[in-house]
N, C-alpha and C. Protein backbone atom coordinates (compact mmCIF):
# COMPACT_ATOMS: atom_id res chain seq x y z
N UNK A 1 48.81 153.94 57.97
CA UNK A 1 48.37 153.80 56.68
C UNK A 1 47.41 155.02 56.53
N UNK A 2 47.42 155.44 55.27
CA UNK A 2 46.46 156.95 54.85
C UNK A 2 45.23 156.38 54.53
N UNK A 3 44.65 155.79 55.48
CA UNK A 3 43.14 155.30 55.20
C UNK A 3 42.13 156.35 55.09
N UNK A 4 42.68 157.46 55.79
CA UNK A 4 41.64 158.63 55.76
C UNK A 4 42.62 159.85 55.55
N UNK A 5 42.26 160.95 54.80
CA UNK A 5 42.84 162.17 54.63
C UNK A 5 42.14 162.91 55.71
N UNK A 6 42.89 163.13 56.81
CA UNK A 6 42.30 164.13 58.05
C UNK A 6 42.05 165.61 57.57
N UNK A 7 42.77 166.18 56.48
CA UNK A 7 42.67 167.40 56.10
C UNK A 7 41.22 167.55 55.37
N UNK A 8 40.67 166.58 54.72
CA UNK A 8 39.45 166.61 54.21
C UNK A 8 38.38 166.26 55.08
N UNK A 9 38.52 165.92 56.31
CA UNK A 9 37.53 165.38 57.16
C UNK A 9 37.19 163.95 56.82
N UNK A 10 36.47 163.50 57.81
CA UNK A 10 36.10 162.14 57.66
C UNK A 10 35.36 161.49 59.16
N UNK A 11 34.81 160.26 59.15
CA UNK A 11 34.25 159.77 60.30
C UNK A 11 35.02 158.45 60.50
N UNK A 12 35.03 158.26 61.93
CA UNK A 12 35.38 157.11 62.32
C UNK A 12 34.39 156.60 63.39
N UNK A 13 33.90 155.31 63.18
CA UNK A 13 32.86 154.75 64.07
C UNK A 13 33.61 153.67 64.95
N UNK A 14 33.19 153.79 66.05
CA UNK A 14 33.77 152.72 67.24
C UNK A 14 32.53 152.01 67.84
N UNK A 15 32.51 150.67 67.73
CA UNK A 15 31.36 149.87 68.21
C UNK A 15 32.19 149.01 69.17
N UNK A 16 31.23 148.60 70.39
CA UNK A 16 31.53 147.49 71.17
C UNK A 16 30.35 146.72 71.57
N UNK A 17 30.71 145.52 71.58
CA UNK A 17 29.63 144.63 72.00
C UNK A 17 30.43 143.46 72.62
N UNK A 18 29.34 142.34 73.18
CA UNK A 18 29.76 141.14 73.70
C UNK A 18 29.55 140.10 72.64
N UNK A 19 30.45 139.09 72.46
CA UNK A 19 30.27 137.94 71.67
C UNK A 19 30.62 136.69 72.36
N UNK A 20 29.71 135.69 72.07
CA UNK A 20 29.80 134.53 72.64
C UNK A 20 29.84 133.39 71.47
N UNK A 21 30.86 132.43 71.61
CA UNK A 21 31.09 131.49 70.77
C UNK A 21 30.86 130.18 71.19
N UNK A 22 29.89 129.34 70.83
CA UNK A 22 29.88 127.93 71.54
C UNK A 22 30.78 127.07 70.94
N UNK A 23 31.27 127.36 69.86
CA UNK A 23 32.30 126.31 69.28
C UNK A 23 33.30 127.31 68.56
N UNK A 24 34.45 126.71 68.29
CA UNK A 24 35.71 127.33 67.79
C UNK A 24 35.18 128.01 66.49
N UNK A 25 35.80 129.09 66.18
CA UNK A 25 35.47 129.79 64.86
C UNK A 25 36.77 130.08 64.05
N UNK A 26 36.70 129.90 62.74
CA UNK A 26 37.95 130.08 61.82
C UNK A 26 37.64 131.38 61.07
N UNK A 27 38.66 132.32 61.22
CA UNK A 27 38.69 133.38 60.49
C UNK A 27 39.91 133.83 59.96
N UNK A 28 40.23 134.09 58.78
CA UNK A 28 41.55 134.67 58.34
C UNK A 28 42.73 133.54 58.69
N UNK A 29 42.43 132.40 58.53
CA UNK A 29 43.37 131.35 58.91
C UNK A 29 43.86 131.20 60.48
N UNK A 30 42.95 131.84 61.32
CA UNK A 30 43.21 131.91 62.65
C UNK A 30 41.89 131.20 63.29
N UNK A 31 42.30 130.48 64.39
CA UNK A 31 41.26 129.59 65.02
C UNK A 31 40.90 130.50 66.36
N UNK A 32 39.57 130.89 66.64
CA UNK A 32 39.15 131.56 67.76
C UNK A 32 38.60 130.48 68.69
N UNK A 33 39.09 130.15 69.77
CA UNK A 33 38.43 129.20 70.64
C UNK A 33 36.98 129.68 71.25
N UNK A 34 36.24 128.56 71.53
CA UNK A 34 34.90 128.92 72.09
C UNK A 34 35.00 129.66 73.27
N UNK A 35 34.14 130.67 73.69
CA UNK A 35 34.09 131.47 74.92
C UNK A 35 33.49 132.71 74.64
N UNK A 36 33.49 133.62 75.69
CA UNK A 36 33.13 134.87 75.62
C UNK A 36 34.19 135.82 75.43
N UNK A 37 33.68 136.83 74.55
CA UNK A 37 34.82 137.75 74.19
C UNK A 37 34.13 139.24 74.35
N UNK A 38 34.83 140.28 74.33
CA UNK A 38 34.49 141.64 74.13
C UNK A 38 35.04 142.09 72.61
N UNK A 39 34.18 142.42 71.85
CA UNK A 39 34.49 142.89 70.41
C UNK A 39 34.55 144.35 70.45
N UNK A 40 35.77 144.89 69.83
CA UNK A 40 35.88 146.24 69.49
C UNK A 40 35.93 146.37 68.03
N UNK A 41 35.06 147.24 67.36
CA UNK A 41 35.16 147.42 66.07
C UNK A 41 35.46 148.81 65.68
N UNK A 42 36.40 149.16 64.74
CA UNK A 42 36.73 150.49 64.35
C UNK A 42 36.73 150.52 62.97
N UNK A 43 35.77 151.47 62.60
CA UNK A 43 35.48 151.53 61.13
C UNK A 43 35.77 152.95 60.61
N UNK A 44 36.59 153.14 59.34
CA UNK A 44 36.49 154.43 58.90
C UNK A 44 36.01 154.35 57.26
N UNK A 45 35.87 155.46 56.75
CA UNK A 45 35.09 155.68 55.54
C UNK A 45 36.23 156.34 54.53
N UNK A 46 37.43 155.97 54.60
CA UNK A 46 38.36 156.51 53.72
C UNK A 46 38.63 155.81 52.56
N UNK A 47 39.85 155.86 51.98
CA UNK A 47 40.22 155.35 50.78
C UNK A 47 40.41 153.95 50.60
N UNK A 48 40.50 153.27 51.79
CA UNK A 48 40.73 151.86 51.97
C UNK A 48 42.36 151.41 51.76
N UNK A 49 42.70 150.20 51.94
CA UNK A 49 43.96 149.72 51.84
C UNK A 49 44.09 149.00 50.61
N UNK A 50 45.15 149.19 49.90
CA UNK A 50 45.25 148.48 48.62
C UNK A 50 45.65 147.15 48.95
N UNK A 51 45.08 145.98 48.22
CA UNK A 51 45.56 144.70 48.49
C UNK A 51 46.87 144.35 48.73
N UNK A 52 47.79 144.88 48.05
CA UNK A 52 49.41 144.52 48.23
C UNK A 52 49.74 144.90 49.40
N UNK A 53 48.97 145.83 50.12
CA UNK A 53 49.52 146.34 51.29
C UNK A 53 48.84 145.49 52.68
N UNK A 54 47.67 144.70 52.48
CA UNK A 54 46.91 144.27 53.44
C UNK A 54 47.76 143.24 54.16
N UNK A 55 48.56 142.58 53.64
CA UNK A 55 49.21 141.55 54.41
C UNK A 55 50.38 141.98 55.06
N UNK A 56 50.71 143.19 54.84
CA UNK A 56 51.97 143.92 55.50
C UNK A 56 51.49 144.63 56.61
N UNK A 57 50.28 145.02 56.77
CA UNK A 57 49.92 146.34 57.76
C UNK A 57 50.23 146.02 59.43
N UNK A 58 50.41 144.80 59.69
CA UNK A 58 50.76 144.64 61.05
C UNK A 58 52.19 144.36 61.43
N UNK A 59 52.94 144.21 60.26
CA UNK A 59 54.51 144.18 60.32
C UNK A 59 55.05 145.33 60.83
N UNK A 60 55.99 145.25 61.84
CA UNK A 60 56.68 146.46 62.45
C UNK A 60 57.48 147.13 61.46
N UNK A 61 57.51 148.50 61.46
CA UNK A 61 58.15 149.55 60.62
C UNK A 61 57.53 149.35 59.09
N UNK A 62 56.48 148.85 58.90
CA UNK A 62 55.90 148.95 57.63
C UNK A 62 55.08 150.13 57.59
N UNK A 63 55.28 150.90 56.61
CA UNK A 63 54.42 152.22 56.37
C UNK A 63 54.30 152.77 55.06
N UNK A 64 53.33 153.40 54.69
CA UNK A 64 53.13 154.01 53.40
C UNK A 64 53.56 155.55 53.40
N UNK A 65 53.90 155.89 54.66
CA UNK A 65 54.15 157.22 54.81
C UNK A 65 55.67 157.63 54.35
N UNK A 66 55.92 158.99 54.15
CA UNK A 66 57.25 159.35 53.68
C UNK A 66 58.09 159.24 54.89
N UNK A 67 59.29 159.22 54.63
CA UNK A 67 60.38 159.22 55.73
C UNK A 67 60.27 160.40 56.67
N UNK A 68 60.24 160.09 58.01
CA UNK A 68 60.14 161.16 58.96
C UNK A 68 58.50 161.47 59.41
N UNK A 69 57.71 160.89 58.60
CA UNK A 69 56.27 161.17 59.12
C UNK A 69 55.76 159.94 60.04
N UNK A 70 56.58 159.00 60.18
CA UNK A 70 55.93 157.80 61.08
C UNK A 70 57.07 156.57 61.04
N UNK A 71 56.75 155.82 62.18
CA UNK A 71 57.77 154.82 62.30
C UNK A 71 57.13 153.54 61.75
N UNK A 72 55.87 153.58 61.46
CA UNK A 72 55.34 152.17 61.26
C UNK A 72 55.20 151.22 62.18
N UNK A 73 54.84 151.63 63.42
CA UNK A 73 54.88 150.83 64.61
C UNK A 73 53.40 150.83 65.25
N UNK A 74 52.57 151.60 64.52
CA UNK A 74 51.11 151.83 65.25
C UNK A 74 50.58 150.49 65.22
N UNK A 75 50.06 150.11 64.14
CA UNK A 75 49.31 148.70 64.03
C UNK A 75 50.26 147.44 64.71
N UNK A 76 51.58 147.53 64.40
CA UNK A 76 52.04 146.28 64.96
C UNK A 76 52.17 146.43 66.35
N UNK A 77 52.21 147.65 67.03
CA UNK A 77 51.98 147.72 68.59
C UNK A 77 50.52 147.35 69.05
N UNK A 78 49.56 147.68 68.18
CA UNK A 78 48.17 147.34 68.50
C UNK A 78 48.26 145.65 68.53
N UNK A 79 48.82 145.03 67.53
CA UNK A 79 48.78 143.64 67.33
C UNK A 79 49.46 143.08 68.39
N UNK A 80 50.55 143.51 68.79
CA UNK A 80 51.18 143.02 69.84
C UNK A 80 50.45 142.88 71.31
N UNK A 81 49.72 143.98 71.67
CA UNK A 81 49.02 144.16 72.73
C UNK A 81 47.72 143.29 72.68
N UNK A 82 47.16 143.18 71.51
CA UNK A 82 46.08 142.39 71.42
C UNK A 82 46.49 140.71 71.57
N UNK A 83 47.58 140.47 71.01
CA UNK A 83 48.03 139.00 71.11
C UNK A 83 48.66 138.56 72.55
N UNK A 84 49.08 139.55 73.13
CA UNK A 84 49.31 139.35 74.50
C UNK A 84 48.32 139.22 75.62
N UNK A 85 47.17 139.71 75.02
CA UNK A 85 45.91 139.68 75.83
C UNK A 85 45.23 138.43 75.37
N UNK A 86 45.84 137.43 74.61
CA UNK A 86 45.07 136.33 74.01
C UNK A 86 43.80 136.75 73.25
N UNK A 87 44.03 137.91 72.59
CA UNK A 87 42.98 138.30 71.62
C UNK A 87 43.33 138.05 70.28
N UNK A 88 42.63 138.75 69.22
CA UNK A 88 42.72 138.46 67.94
C UNK A 88 42.28 139.97 67.29
N UNK A 89 42.91 140.04 66.21
CA UNK A 89 42.48 141.47 65.39
C UNK A 89 42.50 140.88 63.91
N UNK A 90 41.59 141.42 63.38
CA UNK A 90 41.17 141.13 61.71
C UNK A 90 40.95 142.49 61.06
N UNK A 91 41.26 142.67 59.86
CA UNK A 91 41.14 143.93 59.00
C UNK A 91 40.41 143.54 57.65
N UNK A 92 39.34 144.29 57.41
CA UNK A 92 38.60 144.15 56.16
C UNK A 92 38.78 145.59 55.56
N UNK A 93 39.13 145.55 54.28
CA UNK A 93 39.05 146.90 53.60
C UNK A 93 38.52 146.74 52.20
N UNK A 94 38.03 148.03 51.75
CA UNK A 94 37.62 147.82 50.29
C UNK A 94 38.00 149.40 49.77
N UNK A 95 38.86 149.15 48.71
CA UNK A 95 39.26 150.54 47.86
C UNK A 95 38.04 151.38 47.69
N UNK A 96 38.03 152.66 48.17
CA UNK A 96 37.12 153.57 47.99
C UNK A 96 36.13 153.68 48.83
N UNK A 97 35.97 152.69 49.76
CA UNK A 97 34.78 152.50 50.79
C UNK A 97 35.44 152.61 52.20
N UNK A 98 36.63 152.14 52.36
CA UNK A 98 37.28 152.48 53.86
C UNK A 98 37.55 150.95 54.60
N UNK A 99 37.67 150.96 55.74
CA UNK A 99 38.33 149.81 56.50
C UNK A 99 37.73 149.58 57.80
N UNK A 100 37.64 148.33 58.10
CA UNK A 100 37.06 147.84 59.47
C UNK A 100 38.14 147.03 60.05
N UNK A 101 38.47 147.18 61.41
CA UNK A 101 39.11 146.46 62.28
C UNK A 101 38.22 145.71 63.41
N UNK A 102 38.35 144.58 63.50
CA UNK A 102 37.61 143.87 64.47
C UNK A 102 38.55 143.34 65.60
N UNK A 103 38.67 143.68 66.86
CA UNK A 103 39.39 143.24 67.83
C UNK A 103 38.47 142.43 68.76
N UNK A 104 38.95 141.15 69.11
CA UNK A 104 38.34 140.45 69.85
C UNK A 104 39.08 139.99 71.29
N UNK A 105 38.66 140.29 72.43
CA UNK A 105 39.50 140.10 73.54
C UNK A 105 38.59 139.25 74.54
N UNK A 106 39.34 138.01 74.98
CA UNK A 106 38.60 137.24 75.95
C UNK A 106 38.04 138.13 77.08
N UNK A 107 36.69 137.78 77.31
CA UNK A 107 36.07 138.49 78.75
C UNK A 107 36.51 137.79 79.77
N UNK A 108 36.69 138.82 81.09
CA UNK A 108 36.97 138.17 82.16
C UNK A 108 35.85 138.64 83.14
N UNK A 109 35.96 138.04 84.49
CA UNK A 109 35.04 138.42 85.47
C UNK A 109 35.67 139.36 86.18
N UNK A 110 35.05 140.45 86.36
CA UNK A 110 35.76 141.81 86.91
C UNK A 110 35.93 141.61 88.23
N UNK A 111 35.04 140.89 89.12
CA UNK A 111 35.53 140.80 90.52
C UNK A 111 36.72 139.79 90.71
N UNK A 112 36.72 138.79 89.82
CA UNK A 112 37.76 137.74 89.98
C UNK A 112 39.30 138.68 89.49
N UNK A 113 39.01 139.39 88.54
CA UNK A 113 40.32 140.33 88.03
C UNK A 113 40.80 141.08 89.28
N UNK A 114 39.93 141.80 89.85
CA UNK A 114 40.20 142.48 91.06
C UNK A 114 40.88 141.93 92.01
N UNK A 115 40.34 140.68 92.56
CA UNK A 115 41.11 139.91 93.48
C UNK A 115 42.57 139.58 93.01
N UNK A 116 42.58 139.15 91.66
CA UNK A 116 43.80 138.79 91.21
C UNK A 116 44.86 139.78 91.18
N UNK A 117 44.34 141.12 90.92
CA UNK A 117 45.21 142.46 90.77
C UNK A 117 45.63 142.79 92.20
N UNK A 118 44.83 142.32 93.20
CA UNK A 118 45.21 142.71 94.69
C UNK A 118 46.22 141.78 95.02
N UNK A 119 46.27 140.51 94.67
CA UNK A 119 47.26 139.59 94.98
C UNK A 119 48.46 139.84 94.32
N UNK A 120 48.58 140.27 93.03
CA UNK A 120 49.86 140.69 92.53
C UNK A 120 50.44 141.98 93.22
N UNK A 121 49.46 142.95 93.44
CA UNK A 121 50.14 144.10 94.09
C UNK A 121 50.65 143.78 95.58
N UNK A 122 50.29 142.68 96.19
CA UNK A 122 50.92 142.16 97.43
C UNK A 122 52.21 141.68 97.21
N UNK A 123 52.38 140.96 95.92
CA UNK A 123 53.42 140.14 95.89
C UNK A 123 54.56 140.90 95.12
N UNK A 124 54.37 141.89 94.12
CA UNK A 124 55.30 142.52 93.33
C UNK A 124 55.58 143.89 93.93
N UNK A 125 57.00 143.96 94.39
CA UNK A 125 57.33 145.27 95.03
C UNK A 125 58.74 145.69 94.29
N UNK A 126 59.76 145.26 95.12
CA UNK A 126 61.04 145.52 94.65
C UNK A 126 61.68 144.24 94.12
N UNK A 127 62.56 144.37 93.10
CA UNK A 127 63.05 143.14 92.61
C UNK A 127 63.50 142.24 93.54
N UNK A 128 63.30 140.92 93.35
CA UNK A 128 63.78 139.91 94.33
C UNK A 128 65.17 139.46 93.84
N UNK A 129 65.88 138.76 94.72
CA UNK A 129 67.00 138.30 94.45
C UNK A 129 67.11 137.48 93.33
N UNK A 130 68.20 137.72 92.29
CA UNK A 130 68.21 136.98 91.05
C UNK A 130 67.41 137.56 89.88
N UNK A 131 66.28 138.43 90.14
CA UNK A 131 65.64 138.88 89.16
C UNK A 131 66.37 139.91 88.14
N UNK A 132 66.15 139.81 86.89
CA UNK A 132 66.80 140.69 85.92
C UNK A 132 65.94 141.97 86.00
N UNK A 133 66.75 143.02 86.00
CA UNK A 133 66.28 144.44 85.89
C UNK A 133 66.72 145.10 84.67
N UNK A 134 65.68 145.68 83.84
CA UNK A 134 65.84 146.40 82.73
C UNK A 134 65.63 148.00 82.61
N UNK A 135 66.40 148.76 82.19
CA UNK A 135 66.17 150.24 82.02
C UNK A 135 65.95 150.39 80.58
N UNK A 136 64.43 150.82 80.62
CA UNK A 136 63.88 150.98 79.17
C UNK A 136 63.85 152.47 78.82
N UNK A 137 64.43 152.97 77.83
CA UNK A 137 64.48 154.22 77.29
C UNK A 137 63.84 154.40 75.96
N UNK A 138 62.54 155.15 75.79
CA UNK A 138 61.97 155.28 74.59
C UNK A 138 61.16 156.70 74.65
N UNK A 139 61.32 157.56 73.63
CA UNK A 139 60.52 158.71 73.85
C UNK A 139 59.18 158.63 73.20
N UNK A 140 58.75 157.53 72.66
CA UNK A 140 57.53 157.56 72.11
C UNK A 140 56.51 156.80 73.13
N UNK A 141 55.63 157.33 73.69
CA UNK A 141 54.83 156.62 74.77
C UNK A 141 54.19 155.22 74.41
N UNK A 142 53.71 155.17 73.24
CA UNK A 142 52.97 153.96 72.89
C UNK A 142 54.03 152.66 72.82
N UNK A 143 54.99 153.01 72.10
CA UNK A 143 56.09 152.14 71.91
C UNK A 143 56.63 151.71 73.34
N UNK A 144 56.92 152.66 73.98
CA UNK A 144 57.42 152.37 75.41
C UNK A 144 56.65 151.42 76.27
N UNK A 145 55.38 151.99 76.24
CA UNK A 145 54.24 151.07 76.84
C UNK A 145 54.32 149.41 76.34
N UNK A 146 54.26 149.48 75.16
CA UNK A 146 54.14 148.03 74.49
C UNK A 146 55.51 147.35 74.78
N UNK A 147 56.64 147.94 74.85
CA UNK A 147 57.95 147.25 75.03
C UNK A 147 57.96 146.96 76.73
N UNK A 148 57.50 147.92 77.50
CA UNK A 148 57.47 147.59 79.01
C UNK A 148 56.70 146.41 79.35
N UNK A 149 55.45 146.33 78.74
CA UNK A 149 54.51 145.21 79.01
C UNK A 149 55.11 143.93 78.47
N UNK A 150 55.74 143.73 77.30
CA UNK A 150 56.39 142.76 76.83
C UNK A 150 57.45 142.38 77.79
N UNK A 151 58.23 142.98 78.24
CA UNK A 151 59.52 142.67 79.18
C UNK A 151 58.91 142.31 80.47
N UNK A 152 57.75 142.71 81.03
CA UNK A 152 57.16 142.42 82.35
C UNK A 152 56.56 141.11 82.19
N UNK A 153 56.06 140.77 81.05
CA UNK A 153 55.22 139.60 80.73
C UNK A 153 56.41 138.43 80.92
N UNK A 154 57.69 138.82 80.49
CA UNK A 154 58.58 137.59 80.44
C UNK A 154 59.37 137.73 82.09
N UNK A 155 58.78 138.43 82.97
CA UNK A 155 59.36 138.21 84.21
C UNK A 155 60.29 139.19 84.53
N UNK A 156 60.58 140.30 83.83
CA UNK A 156 61.53 141.15 83.99
C UNK A 156 61.01 142.35 84.83
N UNK A 157 61.97 143.11 85.79
CA UNK A 157 61.64 144.23 86.36
C UNK A 157 62.06 145.32 85.38
N UNK A 158 61.14 146.22 85.27
CA UNK A 158 61.44 147.36 84.09
C UNK A 158 61.27 148.80 84.77
N UNK A 159 62.50 149.60 84.68
CA UNK A 159 62.28 150.83 85.11
C UNK A 159 62.28 151.85 83.65
N UNK A 160 61.39 152.66 83.57
CA UNK A 160 61.09 153.49 82.26
C UNK A 160 61.50 154.88 82.23
N UNK A 161 62.15 155.26 81.30
CA UNK A 161 62.59 156.62 81.12
C UNK A 161 61.97 157.14 79.66
N UNK A 162 61.64 158.31 79.52
CA UNK A 162 61.15 158.91 78.12
C UNK A 162 62.24 159.70 77.36
N UNK A 163 63.31 159.46 77.94
CA UNK A 163 64.67 160.36 77.17
C UNK A 163 65.87 159.83 77.84
N UNK A 164 67.00 160.16 77.10
CA UNK A 164 68.27 159.80 77.75
C UNK A 164 68.53 160.64 78.96
N UNK A 165 68.18 161.81 79.04
CA UNK A 165 68.41 162.73 80.25
C UNK A 165 67.64 162.08 81.51
N UNK A 166 66.57 161.51 81.44
CA UNK A 166 65.68 160.95 82.46
C UNK A 166 66.51 159.62 82.88
N UNK A 167 67.01 158.82 81.85
CA UNK A 167 67.52 157.68 82.05
C UNK A 167 68.99 157.81 82.89
N UNK A 168 69.69 159.06 82.63
CA UNK A 168 70.87 159.10 83.46
C UNK A 168 70.48 159.57 84.88
N UNK A 169 69.45 160.30 85.01
CA UNK A 169 68.92 160.80 86.37
C UNK A 169 68.59 159.47 87.07
N UNK A 170 68.00 158.56 86.62
CA UNK A 170 67.64 157.22 87.36
C UNK A 170 68.98 156.56 87.76
N UNK A 171 69.94 156.62 86.95
CA UNK A 171 71.20 155.97 87.22
C UNK A 171 72.04 156.53 88.36
N UNK A 172 71.66 157.86 88.69
CA UNK A 172 72.32 158.53 89.59
C UNK A 172 72.15 157.84 90.99
N UNK A 173 71.30 156.92 91.21
CA UNK A 173 70.96 156.22 92.17
C UNK A 173 71.90 154.97 92.30
N UNK A 174 73.19 155.17 92.91
CA UNK A 174 74.17 153.91 92.72
C UNK A 174 73.66 152.67 93.40
N UNK A 175 72.80 152.67 94.22
CA UNK A 175 72.06 151.57 94.88
C UNK A 175 71.28 150.81 93.95
N UNK A 176 70.89 151.35 92.82
CA UNK A 176 70.00 150.67 91.79
C UNK A 176 70.71 149.85 90.95
N UNK A 177 70.32 148.55 91.00
CA UNK A 177 70.96 147.48 90.09
C UNK A 177 70.14 147.43 88.62
N UNK A 178 71.08 147.56 87.61
CA UNK A 178 70.44 147.47 86.35
C UNK A 178 71.35 146.61 85.61
N UNK A 179 70.70 145.40 84.78
CA UNK A 179 71.19 144.45 84.33
C UNK A 179 71.53 144.81 82.67
N UNK A 180 70.31 145.41 82.30
CA UNK A 180 70.34 145.56 80.71
C UNK A 180 69.93 147.06 80.51
N UNK A 181 70.43 147.84 79.54
CA UNK A 181 69.84 148.88 78.96
C UNK A 181 68.97 148.57 77.67
N UNK A 182 67.86 148.75 77.50
CA UNK A 182 67.19 148.73 76.37
C UNK A 182 66.64 150.14 75.84
N UNK A 183 67.34 150.59 74.81
CA UNK A 183 67.18 151.89 74.38
C UNK A 183 66.93 152.17 73.10
N UNK A 184 65.99 153.23 72.62
CA UNK A 184 65.89 153.69 71.21
C UNK A 184 67.10 154.40 70.79
N UNK A 185 67.42 154.34 69.65
CA UNK A 185 68.60 154.97 68.98
C UNK A 185 68.58 156.65 68.83
N UNK A 186 67.45 156.94 68.18
CA UNK A 186 67.18 158.20 67.88
C UNK A 186 66.14 158.89 68.66
N UNK A 187 66.45 159.95 69.45
CA UNK A 187 65.68 160.54 70.43
C UNK A 187 66.01 162.01 70.46
N UNK A 188 64.99 162.88 70.91
CA UNK A 188 65.31 164.18 71.25
C UNK A 188 66.36 164.49 72.33
N UNK A 189 67.15 165.29 72.14
CA UNK A 189 68.40 165.51 73.21
C UNK A 189 69.48 164.47 72.86
N UNK A 190 69.90 163.75 73.77
CA UNK A 190 70.99 162.75 73.76
C UNK A 190 70.42 161.51 73.00
N UNK A 191 71.29 161.01 71.94
CA UNK A 191 70.52 159.89 71.32
C UNK A 191 71.13 158.71 72.19
N UNK A 192 70.63 157.36 71.81
CA UNK A 192 70.93 156.30 72.46
C UNK A 192 72.34 155.94 72.56
N UNK A 193 73.09 155.90 71.48
CA UNK A 193 74.65 155.43 71.62
C UNK A 193 75.31 156.56 72.50
N UNK A 194 74.85 157.69 72.62
CA UNK A 194 75.53 158.99 73.25
C UNK A 194 75.21 158.63 74.97
N UNK A 195 74.11 158.55 75.20
CA UNK A 195 73.90 158.34 76.48
C UNK A 195 74.52 157.09 77.15
N UNK A 196 74.38 155.85 76.18
CA UNK A 196 74.98 154.73 76.92
C UNK A 196 76.37 154.65 76.97
N UNK A 197 77.07 155.63 76.29
CA UNK A 197 78.49 155.74 76.49
C UNK A 197 78.77 156.27 77.97
N UNK A 198 77.95 157.41 78.22
CA UNK A 198 78.17 158.04 79.35
C UNK A 198 77.68 156.99 80.62
N UNK A 199 76.59 156.35 80.45
CA UNK A 199 76.31 155.28 81.64
C UNK A 199 77.27 154.39 81.78
N UNK A 200 77.96 153.89 80.66
CA UNK A 200 78.96 152.67 80.91
C UNK A 200 80.11 153.19 81.67
N UNK A 201 80.32 154.33 81.71
CA UNK A 201 81.49 154.94 82.49
C UNK A 201 81.39 154.62 83.96
N UNK A 202 80.26 154.65 84.46
CA UNK A 202 80.12 154.24 86.04
C UNK A 202 79.34 152.87 85.91
N UNK A 203 78.98 152.29 84.82
CA UNK A 203 78.32 150.98 85.12
C UNK A 203 78.95 150.21 83.91
N UNK A 204 80.36 149.91 83.96
CA UNK A 204 80.89 149.13 82.86
C UNK A 204 80.36 147.62 83.07
N UNK A 205 80.29 147.00 81.73
CA UNK A 205 79.59 145.55 81.83
C UNK A 205 78.36 145.47 81.62
N UNK A 206 77.33 146.58 81.67
CA UNK A 206 76.12 146.44 81.57
C UNK A 206 75.68 146.22 80.20
N UNK A 207 75.03 145.11 80.08
CA UNK A 207 74.37 144.92 78.61
C UNK A 207 73.48 145.86 77.98
N UNK A 208 73.54 145.94 76.74
CA UNK A 208 72.88 147.04 76.10
C UNK A 208 72.11 146.55 74.72
N UNK A 209 70.89 146.83 74.53
CA UNK A 209 70.14 146.33 73.49
C UNK A 209 69.55 147.84 72.80
N UNK A 210 70.03 147.94 71.50
CA UNK A 210 69.42 149.12 70.66
C UNK A 210 68.43 148.83 69.80
N UNK A 211 67.28 149.50 69.89
CA UNK A 211 65.92 149.30 69.23
C UNK A 211 65.64 150.52 68.29
N UNK A 212 65.48 150.29 66.97
CA UNK A 212 65.12 151.59 66.28
C UNK A 212 64.96 151.31 64.89
N UNK A 213 63.92 151.89 64.11
CA UNK A 213 63.67 151.88 62.82
C UNK A 213 64.64 152.65 62.10
N UNK A 214 65.43 153.40 62.70
CA UNK A 214 66.35 154.46 61.91
C UNK A 214 67.67 154.18 62.33
N UNK A 215 68.24 153.18 62.50
CA UNK A 215 69.41 153.01 63.05
C UNK A 215 70.67 152.93 62.05
N UNK A 216 70.39 152.96 60.85
CA UNK A 216 71.64 152.88 59.99
C UNK A 216 72.49 153.93 60.02
N UNK A 217 71.93 155.21 60.06
CA UNK A 217 72.97 156.41 60.21
C UNK A 217 73.41 156.78 61.56
N UNK A 218 72.47 156.28 62.58
CA UNK A 218 72.84 156.96 63.89
C UNK A 218 74.09 156.10 64.45
N UNK A 219 74.34 154.88 64.26
CA UNK A 219 75.11 154.22 64.81
C UNK A 219 76.76 154.90 64.36
C-alpha cells in the first residue's frame, strides 16, 4: 500500500509495550483471549488507506501498485506469521492522517521457551522414516521464510533454495529423498517449470506444487 510517499520523506513510529487482559476482549470481530501479550504498534503519517481497500489489505496478491512493482504479499505474509504465533493484527487508518497497525503476540516465559527449544533441537535432526520432505524454491526471502514456517508447522521437513540453480545443486545429492517440489514460477535465472523439468529427469514421479502471483503467462 502506498501509505507514504518515500520520495517526499516521512516518519514511521514503532512502539512496544506489554498488555494484560483480565478478560476476553472484542475488536474488529475478533475475540482476544484473556492473558499477557506483547504489543507492537507501527504508525505512519502518510495519506492513509481508502475505505474500499481496508478490508482487502491482508489478502494475498492484493496491491495498489502497478504491475511489476510488487507482489501484494507483504501484509498477507505478516498476517500469516502473526496468526501462526496465535496473535492478532489490526489496522486503523484515516485519509490524510496516516495508518496505525497494532500487533498482539501472546507473551511467553523466556526460560521456559529456551528449555522447550533445547528439547526440540535434541529431537529434530534428519527426517525420520515416513516423514514427508519438501524442497522449497522461492527467490523472495520473506515469502520463502513464511512458506517454510507454514510447512514445518504441518510437520514437514523443508529444504530451502533461493533460486532454481541452488535447487538443482541440492538435488545433486542422490541420497537425499524429496517427496514434493514447492516452487515459485517466475524467478531470476531458470524459471520454475524449466528447473522442474530438469529435476524430473532424475527424479520422475516427484510431486510438484507451483506457487506464483504471475503464473498466467509463465506456464
